[in-house]
Amino acid sequence: MEKGAKSTALDVFIAKKLEIDGMLQRLQTLSDEHFNTHPDDIDWGDVGTLSHYGDRLREICDSAFHEGEYAR
């Protein structure tokens, strides 16, 4: 691969990493705030929403760490 193409790939990789880092920070803040819920107000809809988030994150982690259906 020529140098110009490699630099472009590196630039895009870094931009994507920064985008992911930003999303992770936002998720951590949301988690720290108990996903914008108050313990007295939690209902089954909140449980479903949190389960949905967990399922998506589990899929990402499984892919990143080669676990679950992504195991080698």
N, C-alpha and C. Protein backbone atom coordinates (compact mmCIF):
# COMPACT_ATOMS: atom_id res chain seq x y z
N MET A 1 0.85 -1.17 0.00
CA MET A 1 0.00 0.00 0.00
C MET A 1 0.90 1.24 0.00
N GLU A 2 0.54 2.20 -0.80
CA GLU A 2 1.36 3.40 -0.85
C GLU A 2 1.14 4.27 0.39
N LYS A 3 2.10 5.14 0.65
CA LYS A 3 2.09 5.93 1.89
C LYS A 3 0.83 6.78 2.02
N GLY A 4 0.39 7.41 0.96
CA GLY A 4 -0.80 8.27 1.01
C GLY A 4 -2.04 7.51 1.42
N ALA A 5 -2.22 6.31 0.87
CA ALA A 5 -3.38 5.50 1.21
C ALA A 5 -3.30 5.03 2.66
N LYS A 6 -2.11 4.69 3.12
CA LYS A 6 -1.94 4.24 4.51
C LYS A 6 -2.24 5.38 5.47
N SER A 7 -1.77 6.58 5.17
CA SER A 7 -2.05 7.74 6.02
C SER A 7 -3.54 8.00 6.09
N THR A 8 -4.23 7.86 4.98
CA THR A 8 -5.66 8.07 4.96
C THR A 8 -6.36 7.03 5.81
N ALA A 9 -5.96 5.77 5.70
CA ALA A 9 -6.55 4.72 6.52
C ALA A 9 -6.29 4.99 8.00
N LEU A 10 -5.10 5.42 8.33
CA LEU A 10 -4.77 5.74 9.72
C LEU A 10 -5.62 6.90 10.23
N ASP A 11 -5.78 7.92 9.41
CA ASP A 11 -6.61 9.07 9.80
C ASP A 11 -8.05 8.64 10.08
N VAL A 12 -8.59 7.81 9.21
CA VAL A 12 -9.97 7.34 9.39
C VAL A 12 -10.07 6.44 10.61
N PHE A 13 -9.08 5.57 10.81
CA PHE A 13 -9.06 4.68 11.98
C PHE A 13 -9.07 5.51 13.27
N ILE A 14 -8.22 6.52 13.34
CA ILE A 14 -8.15 7.37 14.53
C ILE A 14 -9.47 8.11 14.74
N ALA A 15 -10.06 8.60 13.67
CA ALA A 15 -11.34 9.30 13.79
C ALA A 15 -12.43 8.36 14.31
N LYS A 16 -12.45 7.13 13.81
CA LYS A 16 -13.44 6.15 14.28
C LYS A 16 -13.20 5.79 15.74
N LYS A 17 -11.93 5.65 16.12
CA LYS A 17 -11.61 5.35 17.52
C LYS A 17 -12.09 6.46 18.43
N LEU A 18 -11.85 7.71 18.04
CA LEU A 18 -12.30 8.85 18.83
C LEU A 18 -13.83 8.88 18.93
N GLU A 19 -14.49 8.51 17.85
CA GLU A 19 -15.96 8.44 17.85
C GLU A 19 -16.43 7.39 18.86
N ILE A 20 -15.80 6.22 18.84
CA ILE A 20 -16.15 5.15 19.78
C ILE A 20 -15.85 5.59 21.21
N ASP A 21 -14.69 6.21 21.44
CA ASP A 21 -14.35 6.70 22.77
C ASP A 21 -15.41 7.66 23.29
N GLY A 22 -15.89 8.53 22.43
CA GLY A 22 -16.94 9.47 22.82
C GLY A 22 -18.23 8.77 23.19
N MET A 23 -18.60 7.75 22.41
CA MET A 23 -19.81 6.98 22.72
C MET A 23 -19.66 6.26 24.05
N LEU A 24 -18.48 5.68 24.29
CA LEU A 24 -18.24 4.98 25.56
C LEU A 24 -18.34 5.94 26.74
N GLN A 25 -17.81 7.14 26.59
CA GLN A 25 -17.89 8.13 27.67
C GLN A 25 -19.35 8.51 27.94
N ARG A 26 -20.12 8.69 26.88
CA ARG A 26 -21.54 9.03 27.05
C ARG A 26 -22.29 7.90 27.73
N LEU A 27 -22.01 6.66 27.33
CA LEU A 27 -22.66 5.51 27.98
C LEU A 27 -22.27 5.41 29.44
N GLN A 28 -21.00 5.66 29.77
CA GLN A 28 -20.58 5.61 31.17
C GLN A 28 -21.30 6.67 31.99
N THR A 29 -21.43 7.87 31.43
CA THR A 29 -22.15 8.94 32.12
C THR A 29 -23.61 8.54 32.33
N LEU A 30 -24.23 7.98 31.31
CA LEU A 30 -25.62 7.53 31.42
C LEU A 30 -25.75 6.44 32.47
N SER A 31 -24.81 5.52 32.51
CA SER A 31 -24.82 4.46 33.52
C SER A 31 -24.64 5.05 34.92
N ASP A 32 -23.72 6.00 35.05
CA ASP A 32 -23.51 6.66 36.35
C ASP A 32 -24.78 7.34 36.84
N GLU A 33 -25.62 7.77 35.90
CA GLU A 33 -26.89 8.43 36.23
C GLU A 33 -28.04 7.44 36.25
N HIS A 34 -27.71 6.16 36.35
CA HIS A 34 -28.71 5.07 36.41
C HIS A 34 -29.66 5.12 35.21
N PHE A 35 -29.09 5.43 34.07
CA PHE A 35 -29.83 5.48 32.81
C PHE A 35 -31.05 6.39 32.91
N ASN A 36 -30.82 7.51 33.58
CA ASN A 36 -31.84 8.56 33.74
C ASN A 36 -33.12 8.05 34.40
N THR A 37 -32.98 7.12 35.32
CA THR A 37 -34.15 6.63 36.05
C THR A 37 -33.94 6.85 37.54
N HIS A 38 -35.03 6.91 38.24
CA HIS A 38 -34.99 6.98 39.71
C HIS A 38 -35.46 5.63 40.22
N PRO A 39 -34.80 5.08 41.22
CA PRO A 39 -35.17 3.74 41.71
C PRO A 39 -36.66 3.57 42.01
N ASP A 40 -37.31 4.61 42.48
CA ASP A 40 -38.74 4.51 42.80
C ASP A 40 -39.62 4.49 41.55
N ASP A 41 -39.06 4.86 40.41
CA ASP A 41 -39.85 4.97 39.18
C ASP A 41 -39.58 3.87 38.17
N ILE A 42 -38.69 2.93 38.49
CA ILE A 42 -38.32 1.89 37.52
C ILE A 42 -39.50 0.95 37.30
N ASP A 43 -39.77 0.69 36.01
CA ASP A 43 -40.82 -0.26 35.65
C ASP A 43 -40.26 -1.25 34.64
N TRP A 44 -41.11 -2.16 34.17
CA TRP A 44 -40.65 -3.21 33.26
C TRP A 44 -40.18 -2.66 31.92
N GLY A 45 -40.69 -1.51 31.53
CA GLY A 45 -40.20 -0.87 30.31
C GLY A 45 -38.73 -0.47 30.44
N ASP A 46 -38.37 0.03 31.62
CA ASP A 46 -36.97 0.38 31.88
C ASP A 46 -36.09 -0.86 31.84
N VAL A 47 -36.60 -1.96 32.40
CA VAL A 47 -35.85 -3.22 32.37
C VAL A 47 -35.65 -3.67 30.92
N GLY A 48 -36.69 -3.57 30.11
CA GLY A 48 -36.58 -3.95 28.70
C GLY A 48 -35.58 -3.09 27.94
N THR A 49 -35.61 -1.80 28.20
CA THR A 49 -34.67 -0.89 27.54
C THR A 49 -33.24 -1.23 27.94
N LEU A 50 -33.01 -1.44 29.23
CA LEU A 50 -31.67 -1.77 29.70
C LEU A 50 -31.21 -3.12 29.14
N SER A 51 -32.12 -4.07 29.05
CA SER A 51 -31.79 -5.38 28.45
C SER A 51 -31.40 -5.22 26.99
N HIS A 52 -32.11 -4.36 26.28
CA HIS A 52 -31.79 -4.10 24.88
C HIS A 52 -30.38 -3.52 24.76
N TYR A 53 -30.07 -2.53 25.58
CA TYR A 53 -28.72 -1.96 25.58
C TYR A 53 -27.67 -3.03 25.87
N GLY A 54 -27.95 -3.86 26.87
CA GLY A 54 -27.01 -4.93 27.24
C GLY A 54 -26.80 -5.92 26.12
N ASP A 55 -27.88 -6.28 25.43
CA ASP A 55 -27.76 -7.22 24.31
C ASP A 55 -26.87 -6.66 23.21
N ARG A 56 -27.06 -5.37 22.87
CA ARG A 56 -26.24 -4.76 21.82
C ARG A 56 -24.77 -4.68 22.26
N LEU A 57 -24.55 -4.30 23.51
CA LEU A 57 -23.17 -4.21 24.01
C LEU A 57 -22.52 -5.59 24.09
N ARG A 58 -23.29 -6.60 24.46
CA ARG A 58 -22.75 -7.96 24.52
C ARG A 58 -22.32 -8.41 23.12
N GLU A 59 -23.11 -8.08 22.11
CA GLU A 59 -22.75 -8.45 20.74
C GLU A 59 -21.44 -7.76 20.32
N ILE A 60 -21.31 -6.50 20.66
CA ILE A 60 -20.08 -5.77 20.34
C ILE A 60 -18.89 -6.38 21.06
N CYS A 61 -19.04 -6.66 22.36
CA CYS A 61 -17.94 -7.25 23.13
C CYS A 61 -17.60 -8.64 22.61
N ASP A 62 -18.61 -9.44 22.30
CA ASP A 62 -18.35 -10.78 21.75
C ASP A 62 -17.54 -10.68 20.46
N SER A 63 -17.90 -9.73 19.60
CA SER A 63 -17.17 -9.55 18.35
C SER A 63 -15.74 -9.08 18.61
N ALA A 64 -15.59 -8.10 19.49
CA ALA A 64 -14.26 -7.54 19.76
C ALA A 64 -13.33 -8.54 20.42
N PHE A 65 -13.88 -9.40 21.29
CA PHE A 65 -13.05 -10.33 22.06
C PHE A 65 -13.16 -11.78 21.58
N HIS A 66 -13.81 -11.97 20.43
CA HIS A 66 -13.96 -13.29 19.81
C HIS A 66 -14.60 -14.28 20.79
N GLU A 67 -15.71 -13.87 21.36
CA GLU A 67 -16.45 -14.71 22.29
C GLU A 67 -17.84 -14.98 21.72
N GLY A 68 -18.60 -15.83 22.42
CA GLY A 68 -19.96 -16.12 21.98
C GLY A 68 -19.98 -16.65 20.57
N GLU A 69 -20.89 -16.12 19.76
CA GLU A 69 -21.00 -16.60 18.37
C GLU A 69 -19.80 -16.22 17.52
N TYR A 70 -18.96 -15.33 18.03
CA TYR A 70 -17.77 -14.90 17.29
C TYR A 70 -16.51 -15.65 17.72
N ALA A 71 -16.68 -16.63 18.62
CA ALA A 71 -15.52 -17.40 19.10
C ALA A 71 -14.87 -18.12 17.93
N ARG A 72 -13.58 -18.19 17.99
CA ARG A 72 -12.84 -18.85 16.90
C ARG A 72 -12.60 -20.29 17.22
